[in-house]
Amino acid sequence: MNKQMLLAHPWFGPCLAALIAVPLALLAHRIGGMVLRRLTRHAPVLHAMLVKIQIPARFALPLVALQMVWQAAPDDLRFVDSVRHLNGLLLIAAVTWLAVRAVNGIADGVLSKHPHDVEDNLQARRVLTQTRVLARTADSVLLVAGASLMLMTFPGARQVGASLLASAGVIGIVAGLAAKPVFSNLIAGLQIALAQPLRIDDVLVVEGEWGRVEEITGTFVVLRIWDDRRLILPLSYFIEKPFQNWTRSSSQLLGSVFIYADYGMPLAPLREEVERIVKSAPEWDGRFFNLRVTDATERTMQIRVLCTAASSSLAFDLRCTVREGLIAFMQRDYPQFLPRLRVEGDPQPQADAAADRSAPRTASARAG
């Protein structure tokens, strides 16, 4: 009797179909995933995407099968509309998750073809910046689209949307003002990804601080300062304000060293010492160096040394090496030509002036 009642229950057929559809969907996921991963072994981008979507696809495929079962069920079945609605919400969430993971998988595959931990990584850093910024922008768009689709499945949400559209004039102004930072950063992120005024690992000078771009998110840029501090700046900053990029087209730099010497200092020995120091320095890239007198004051002459290096950190070390070497050279061989303040005059008037200054003190000492 109970068996007959169970077979006669209106939900028996749909539930039995669901129990068959879910294992079949999981089996299709397992077999299809193995076949597709094997076929895409030599396609890094597709293979990385398939690996990323493996887990969300395990949920999405059974939900697709269940949705087909519930849609085939009779419309007059009790609670079938609620079951369809709940399954639809879960399906939208799973598909959104799958789409986000697919975008991230494509980004990982692209980055695997362009490693940025090599010596000449300018092209790799360009690809890294574009891929990360565009992937995060796409993730944001997909999440907003998924949430919007889920809300649109509720009749109440559609009514709220209609009422909001009725007063779109005032609400549009308020929403525009409130969302201005969000949209400005979103547009700035797209501009940075396409025009690339800065990239990951670029060396920048911003707000008087020297550092490297450590991370570019959907809303801000993290700049790692030389002393391990972090400077956080919104994306729109790099579109609206000027900044220095020392690695825009190349990481090679021309460093300068300034020293000051007396006019009696001969320049030929200094040039020879600069050549010796620079050529023996491992930081020098072999491109260029020179020594010139770039300024002359009433007391000293300004001597400038230029030298090249392959990166900003090497250029800084090379400048320190040249500066220290020249100072040591002058201290050792030409100490008399180091910058100094001279006071010259007739010694006799100076002695008389000193005696005049000491006379009152001597008289007061005698009086005591």
Foldseek 3Di string as FASTA:
>chain_A
DVVVVLVVDLCNVLVVQLVVQLVVQLVCLVVVLVVQLVVCVVPLLSNLLSVQLSVLSNVQRSLVSSLVSLVPRDPPDPCSVVVNLVSVLSNLVSVLSSVLSNLVSNLVSQLVVQPQPDDFRPVSQLSNLLSQLVSQLVNVVSVVVSVVVNLVSDPVSVVVVVVCVVVVPVVVVVVCVVCVLVVLLQVLSVCCSVVVPDTAQWWKQDPNFTFGFHDDHSFWTWTQGPVRDTDIGTSNCPVPDDIDTCCRPAQKDKAKEKAKWFPVDDCVVVQVQLVVQQVPDPFAPPDDKGKDFDADDPFITMIMIITMGRHDVSSVVSRVSSNVSSVVVCVVPPVVTHGDDDDDDDVVVVVVVVCVVCVVVVVVVVVD
